[in-house]
Amino acid sequence: MPQRYGDWQAGTPRVPGPRREFVQAFEASPGRAPRPDIAPLDPPAVIADPPETAKGGKGGKGRTFTGIAAAAVTTVLAVVVAGQVTSGSGTSHADAQSSGTGRGDSSAASRGQQRATPSTRAAVVLTYEQEMAKQYPLDPKLKGSGEFAAVAGSAKAPGKGRKYRYRIDVEKGLGLDGALFAEAVQKTLNDNRSWAHNGAKTFERISTGTPDFVISLASPGTTAEWCAKSQLDTLEENVSCDSAATQRVMINAYRWAQGSATYGADKMFLYREMLINHEVGHRLGHSHVSCTTPGALAPVMQQQTKSLDIGGIKCRPNPWVFPTS
């Protein structure tokens, strides 16, 4: 007779049943409350007995142990999986990948090995004051192309006095910032310490139409050519001029870029303001004036690029027509 589930004969090796702790875990225990931290599992699937065991009484016992064993295995697997899911930070690996978190140090390592991290350094943008305080490289013997381009745009005259309309031309190929130069001219001339003092005059920059004069930033060689048209020699000391026989007020680009020994590298801002006021002052009809009081501020129409000590009278550098101190 074939052996049925649950049958056992002497001398036949016993099929080990489920461990007692698994059986006890699933036997009903009166008064024992379920653990609140473990969600109830779905009932295990029912496995049909073979036809032989469906008839015999012993088959019921086999079904009992088989069901218990299956439930025990299911529970153990569920507990293991639950432990893996709930361990650590409480986020599964799949959840971490889908949410973009939990990459950990391995991601940083792979980033370093595979590609460089993009630089986050932002470009340094200097203020107007910082740009005006800098020196810029330029050859003192540079002879440029002689071709000019007007700085585009315009700037309205801010005052109500006598209006002067001017254009800014920059020689092509200088490598200097024409927009900065144009901004400096407009701000300097319309400062209350300048020729616009107390509303007497006001200055407006244009780039089209007919100006009253043209302020030109040019190389030393080109500056000398235009100044010579008005019988002025700027080559010896590499200075600027107002070429009165022409429309052009010539600003020597070397002086604009490098300044002068009389002011020094630490006073480039002041020197550039003086350079604008001095040469435009000539265009407005003012001649050279020298300091008469030792230690006083030099007059803006003194040739301060050349010297602050004239006739034994040494004065201090001054960029303004009407200085406040």
Protein backbone atom coordinates (compact mmCIF):
# COMPACT_ATOMS: atom_id res chain seq x y z
CA MET A 1 0.00 0.00 0.00
CA PRO A 2 1.49 3.29 -0.87
CA GLN A 3 2.47 5.46 2.03
CA ARG A 4 0.20 8.40 2.59
CA TYR A 5 0.90 11.85 3.94
CA GLY A 6 1.12 11.67 7.68
CA ASP A 7 1.81 7.83 7.78
CA TRP A 8 4.87 6.68 9.61
CA GLN A 9 6.21 3.22 10.19
CA ALA A 10 8.91 2.01 12.49
CA GLY A 11 12.26 2.03 10.85
CA THR A 12 11.17 4.57 8.31
CA PRO A 13 12.98 7.87 8.65
CA ARG A 14 10.67 10.45 10.11
CA VAL A 15 10.00 13.46 7.93
CA PRO A 16 10.84 16.41 10.14
CA GLY A 17 7.85 18.58 10.94
CA PRO A 18 7.83 22.27 11.55
CA ARG A 19 9.84 23.59 14.44
CA ARG A 20 7.84 23.96 17.60
CA GLU A 21 8.41 27.72 17.87
CA PHE A 22 6.78 28.17 14.44
CA VAL A 23 3.81 26.05 15.50
CA GLN A 24 3.48 27.99 18.75
CA ALA A 25 3.65 31.24 16.84
CA PHE A 26 0.57 30.32 14.86
CA GLU A 27 -1.45 28.44 17.48
CA ALA A 28 -4.21 30.45 19.02
CA SER A 29 -3.22 31.79 22.42
CA PRO A 30 -6.16 33.01 24.48
CA GLY A 31 -5.74 36.55 25.74
CA ARG A 32 -2.70 37.19 23.59
CA ALA A 33 -3.01 40.43 21.63
CA PRO A 34 -1.47 40.69 18.16
CA ARG A 35 1.70 42.76 17.84
CA PRO A 36 0.69 46.24 16.74
CA ASP A 37 3.87 46.81 14.75
CA ILE A 38 3.33 43.94 12.31
CA ALA A 39 0.53 44.26 9.79
CA PRO A 40 -1.59 41.13 9.37
CA LEU A 41 -0.62 39.10 6.35
CA ASP A 42 -3.05 37.80 3.77
CA PRO A 43 -4.13 34.21 4.45
CA PRO A 44 -1.84 31.70 2.72
CA ALA A 45 -3.09 30.13 -0.44
CA VAL A 46 -4.94 26.79 0.02
CA ILE A 47 -3.00 23.84 -1.40
CA ALA A 48 -5.26 20.92 -2.40
CA ASP A 49 -4.43 17.51 -0.90
CA PRO A 50 -3.68 14.55 -3.19
CA PRO A 51 -6.74 12.35 -3.77
CA GLU A 52 -5.50 9.64 -1.42
CA THR A 53 -5.28 11.95 1.59
CA ALA A 54 -8.66 13.49 0.98
CA LYS A 55 -10.28 10.23 2.09
CA GLY A 56 -8.20 9.19 5.07
CA GLY A 57 -8.31 10.63 8.54
CA LYS A 58 -4.55 10.82 8.66
CA GLY A 59 -4.48 13.13 5.73
CA GLY A 60 -5.99 15.91 7.86
CA LYS A 61 -2.97 15.89 10.12
CA GLY A 62 -0.67 16.11 7.10
CA ARG A 63 -2.65 19.05 5.78
CA THR A 64 -2.40 20.76 9.13
CA PHE A 65 1.38 20.50 9.28
CA THR A 66 1.76 21.40 5.61
CA GLY A 67 -0.37 24.53 6.07
CA ILE A 68 1.54 25.51 9.21
CA ALA A 69 4.88 25.03 7.50
CA ALA A 70 3.80 27.10 4.50
CA ALA A 71 2.48 29.85 6.75
CA ALA A 72 5.68 29.80 8.79
CA VAL A 73 7.88 30.15 5.70
CA THR A 74 5.64 32.94 4.37
CA THR A 75 5.84 34.76 7.70
CA VAL A 76 9.63 34.45 7.91
CA LEU A 77 10.03 35.82 4.38
CA ALA A 78 7.64 38.66 5.12
CA VAL A 79 9.52 39.59 8.30
CA VAL A 80 12.89 39.52 6.50
CA VAL A 81 11.61 41.69 3.65
CA ALA A 82 9.93 44.06 6.08
CA GLY A 83 13.16 44.33 8.04
CA GLN A 84 15.10 45.21 4.89
CA VAL A 85 12.56 47.81 3.80
CA THR A 86 12.26 49.48 7.19
CA SER A 87 15.96 49.34 8.12
CA GLY A 88 18.25 52.38 8.03
CA SER A 89 16.59 55.64 7.12
CA GLY A 90 13.25 54.04 6.35
CA THR A 91 13.56 54.48 2.57
CA SER A 92 14.02 51.52 0.30
CA HIS A 93 16.70 51.55 -2.42
CA ALA A 94 14.00 51.65 -5.10
CA ASP A 95 12.28 54.57 -3.40
CA ALA A 96 15.60 56.36 -3.02
CA GLN A 97 16.35 56.01 -6.73
CA SER A 98 12.91 57.17 -7.83
CA SER A 99 12.95 60.17 -5.50
CA GLY A 100 16.49 61.17 -6.36
CA THR A 101 17.74 60.73 -2.77
CA GLY A 102 19.97 58.26 -1.05
CA ARG A 103 22.78 58.36 -3.63
CA GLY A 104 25.30 58.56 -0.83
CA ASP A 105 29.06 58.74 -1.17
CA SER A 106 29.27 56.31 -4.09
CA SER A 107 27.63 58.87 -6.38
CA ALA A 108 30.13 61.50 -5.38
CA ALA A 109 32.96 59.07 -6.00
CA SER A 110 31.66 58.16 -9.44
CA ARG A 111 31.22 61.86 -10.28
CA GLY A 112 34.83 62.50 -9.38
CA GLN A 113 36.06 59.54 -11.42
CA GLN A 114 33.95 60.05 -14.52
CA ARG A 115 33.77 63.81 -14.98
CA ALA A 116 34.86 67.02 -13.35
CA THR A 117 32.37 68.99 -11.31
CA PRO A 118 31.44 72.19 -13.23
CA SER A 119 32.97 75.35 -11.81
CA THR A 120 30.53 77.59 -9.95
CA ARG A 121 32.83 80.59 -9.86
CA ALA A 122 30.98 83.61 -11.16
CA ALA A 123 32.69 86.18 -13.31
CA VAL A 124 33.84 89.16 -11.28
CA VAL A 125 32.01 92.33 -12.35
CA LEU A 126 33.76 95.54 -11.31
CA THR A 127 31.84 98.66 -10.36
CA TYR A 128 32.29 101.94 -12.19
CA GLU A 129 34.48 103.21 -9.35
CA GLN A 130 36.67 100.09 -9.48
CA GLU A 131 37.05 100.30 -13.27
CA MET A 132 38.00 103.96 -13.03
CA ALA A 133 40.62 103.21 -10.38
CA LYS A 134 42.44 100.59 -12.47
CA GLN A 135 45.40 101.04 -14.78
CA TYR A 136 45.31 99.37 -18.19
CA PRO A 137 48.26 98.28 -20.35
CA LEU A 138 49.05 100.47 -23.36
CA ASP A 139 52.25 101.21 -25.26
CA PRO A 140 53.34 104.87 -24.80
CA LYS A 141 54.54 104.88 -28.43
CA LEU A 142 51.46 103.26 -29.92
CA LYS A 143 50.37 104.57 -33.31
CA GLY A 144 46.83 103.39 -33.97
CA SER A 145 44.78 102.98 -37.12
CA GLY A 146 43.62 106.59 -37.21
CA GLU A 147 40.03 105.40 -37.73
CA PHE A 148 37.37 106.36 -35.21
CA ALA A 149 34.02 104.88 -34.20
CA ALA A 150 31.39 106.76 -32.25
CA VAL A 151 30.26 105.16 -28.99
CA ALA A 152 26.65 104.17 -29.56
CA GLY A 153 23.78 105.53 -27.49
CA SER A 154 23.15 108.82 -25.80
CA ALA A 155 22.91 110.48 -22.39
CA LYS A 156 20.52 113.36 -21.76
CA ALA A 157 21.71 116.63 -20.31
CA PRO A 158 20.60 116.60 -16.66
CA GLY A 159 20.69 120.36 -16.04
CA LYS A 160 18.88 123.51 -17.22
CA GLY A 161 21.94 125.68 -18.05
CA ARG A 162 23.69 126.30 -21.35
CA LYS A 163 23.57 122.96 -23.17
CA TYR A 164 26.57 121.50 -24.96
CA ARG A 165 26.09 118.48 -27.18
CA TYR A 166 29.13 116.28 -27.70
CA ARG A 167 29.99 112.94 -29.29
CA ILE A 168 32.46 110.33 -28.03
CA ASP A 169 34.82 108.82 -30.63
CA VAL A 170 37.23 105.97 -29.82
CA GLU A 171 40.04 105.00 -32.14
CA LYS A 172 39.59 101.48 -33.48
CA GLY A 173 41.89 98.78 -32.14
CA LEU A 174 42.86 100.44 -28.85
CA GLY A 175 41.50 97.61 -26.69
CA LEU A 176 40.08 100.08 -24.15
CA ASP A 177 36.51 100.22 -22.91
CA GLY A 178 34.77 102.94 -24.91
CA ALA A 179 31.56 102.64 -22.90
CA LEU A 180 33.47 103.27 -19.65
CA PHE A 181 35.15 106.30 -21.21
CA ALA A 182 31.80 107.70 -22.37
CA GLU A 183 30.25 107.16 -18.94
CA ALA A 184 33.17 108.90 -17.26
CA VAL A 185 32.91 111.95 -19.51
CA GLN A 186 29.17 112.37 -18.92
CA LYS A 187 29.42 111.96 -15.15
CA THR A 188 32.47 114.17 -14.79
CA LEU A 189 31.25 117.11 -16.88
CA ASN A 190 27.83 117.16 -15.20
CA ASP A 191 29.20 116.95 -11.67
CA ASN A 192 28.45 120.08 -9.64
CA ARG A 193 32.21 120.42 -8.98
CA SER A 194 32.84 120.60 -12.72
CA TRP A 195 31.85 123.09 -15.47
CA ALA A 196 28.16 122.41 -14.71
CA HIS A 197 28.59 124.07 -11.30
CA ASN A 198 25.38 125.67 -9.98
CA GLY A 199 23.53 124.89 -13.20
CA ALA A 200 25.63 127.19 -15.37
CA LYS A 201 26.13 124.52 -18.03
CA THR A 202 24.85 121.06 -18.87
CA PHE A 203 26.28 118.40 -21.19
CA GLU A 204 24.48 115.90 -23.42
CA ARG A 205 26.09 112.99 -25.22
CA ILE A 206 24.85 112.04 -28.68
CA SER A 207 26.03 109.48 -31.22
CA THR A 208 24.17 110.86 -34.28
CA GLY A 209 23.50 114.37 -35.48
CA THR A 210 25.75 117.43 -35.24
CA PRO A 211 27.66 117.91 -31.97
CA ASP A 212 29.26 121.07 -30.62
CA PHE A 213 32.52 119.15 -30.27
CA VAL A 214 33.88 115.60 -30.31
CA ILE A 215 35.82 114.10 -27.41
CA SER A 216 38.21 111.56 -28.93
CA LEU A 217 40.13 108.78 -27.19
CA ALA A 218 43.15 108.02 -29.39
CA SER A 219 46.58 106.40 -29.38
CA PRO A 220 49.60 108.67 -28.69
CA GLY A 221 50.54 108.71 -32.37
CA THR A 222 47.06 109.64 -33.59
CA THR A 223 46.68 112.21 -30.80
CA ALA A 224 49.90 113.89 -31.95
CA GLU A 225 48.64 114.07 -35.53
CA TRP A 226 45.39 115.80 -34.59
CA CYS A 227 47.05 118.16 -32.11
CA ALA A 228 49.60 119.16 -34.76
CA LYS A 229 46.69 120.43 -36.86
CA SER A 230 46.33 123.15 -34.22
CA GLN A 231 50.12 123.76 -33.91
CA LEU A 232 50.35 121.81 -30.66
CA ASP A 233 53.17 119.33 -29.94
CA THR A 234 52.15 116.47 -27.67
CA LEU A 235 54.91 114.01 -28.60
CA GLU A 236 57.61 115.24 -26.21
CA GLU A 237 55.69 114.56 -23.02
CA ASN A 238 52.95 112.33 -24.45
CA VAL A 239 50.06 114.55 -23.37
CA SER A 240 46.53 115.38 -24.55
CA CYS A 241 45.17 118.53 -26.16
CA ASP A 242 42.19 120.47 -27.42
CA SER A 243 42.72 120.69 -31.17
CA ALA A 244 40.95 124.02 -31.45
CA ALA A 245 41.28 124.19 -35.25
CA THR A 246 39.18 121.02 -35.47
CA GLN A 247 36.13 119.58 -33.74
CA ARG A 248 38.21 117.22 -31.63
CA VAL A 249 39.20 117.35 -27.99
CA MET A 250 42.01 114.75 -27.99
CA ILE A 251 42.45 112.49 -24.95
CA ASN A 252 45.72 110.58 -25.16
CA ALA A 253 44.88 106.89 -24.59
CA TYR A 254 48.22 106.25 -22.92
CA ARG A 255 47.46 108.84 -20.25
CA TRP A 256 43.92 107.54 -19.88
CA ALA A 257 45.25 104.01 -19.38
CA GLN A 258 48.34 104.69 -17.29
CA GLY A 259 47.94 108.12 -15.69
CA SER A 260 50.93 110.23 -14.66
CA ALA A 261 53.68 110.26 -12.06
CA THR A 262 52.16 113.38 -10.49
CA TYR A 263 49.05 111.46 -9.44
CA GLY A 264 50.41 107.94 -9.14
CA ALA A 265 48.75 104.58 -9.65
CA ASP A 266 46.61 104.96 -6.53
CA LYS A 267 44.84 108.08 -7.86
CA MET A 268 43.82 106.94 -11.34
CA PHE A 269 40.16 107.84 -10.77
CA LEU A 270 41.05 111.43 -9.84
CA TYR A 271 43.53 111.74 -12.69
CA ARG A 272 40.95 110.71 -15.31
CA GLU A 273 38.46 113.25 -13.96
CA MET A 274 41.14 115.95 -14.14
CA LEU A 275 42.07 114.95 -17.70
CA ILE A 276 38.46 115.34 -18.89
CA ASN A 277 37.86 118.63 -17.09
CA HIS A 278 41.17 120.14 -18.18
CA GLU A 279 40.87 119.44 -21.93
CA VAL A 280 37.15 120.29 -22.14
CA GLY A 281 38.01 123.48 -20.20
CA HIS A 282 40.20 124.51 -23.13
CA ARG A 283 37.29 123.87 -25.52
CA LEU A 284 35.12 126.13 -23.34
CA GLY A 285 37.72 128.94 -23.66
CA HIS A 286 39.92 128.55 -20.58
CA SER A 287 43.71 128.86 -20.71
CA HIS A 288 46.43 127.41 -18.47
CA VAL A 289 46.63 128.61 -14.87
CA SER A 290 49.33 127.80 -12.32
CA CYS A 291 49.12 127.38 -8.56
CA THR A 292 50.17 130.42 -6.51
CA THR A 293 49.92 129.09 -2.95
CA PRO A 294 52.22 126.30 -1.72
CA GLY A 295 50.28 123.30 -0.44
CA ALA A 296 47.00 124.44 -1.99
CA LEU A 297 44.97 122.44 -4.49
CA ALA A 298 46.25 122.96 -8.00
CA PRO A 299 43.86 124.72 -10.38
CA VAL A 300 42.19 122.29 -12.79
CA MET A 301 43.68 124.30 -15.71
CA GLN A 302 47.24 123.79 -14.45
CA GLN A 303 49.24 121.28 -16.54
CA GLN A 304 49.07 118.70 -13.77
CA THR A 305 50.17 115.83 -16.00
CA LYS A 306 53.55 117.51 -16.36
CA SER A 307 54.10 118.88 -12.86
CA LEU A 308 52.55 119.92 -9.57
CA ASP A 309 55.60 122.05 -8.71
CA ILE A 310 55.83 125.14 -10.88
CA GLY A 311 58.25 127.96 -10.08
CA GLY A 312 59.04 126.41 -6.69
CA ILE A 313 55.39 126.37 -5.68
CA LYS A 314 54.25 122.84 -5.02
CA CYS A 315 50.54 122.14 -4.93
CA ARG A 316 48.30 119.15 -4.42
CA PRO A 317 46.55 117.25 -7.22
CA ASN A 318 43.01 118.39 -7.96
CA PRO A 319 40.57 117.22 -10.64
CA TRP A 320 37.79 119.78 -10.11
CA VAL A 321 36.93 123.27 -11.30
CA PHE A 322 35.13 123.96 -8.02
CA PRO A 323 36.63 121.59 -5.45
CA THR A 324 34.80 121.18 -2.16
CA SER A 325 37.93 120.61 -0.08
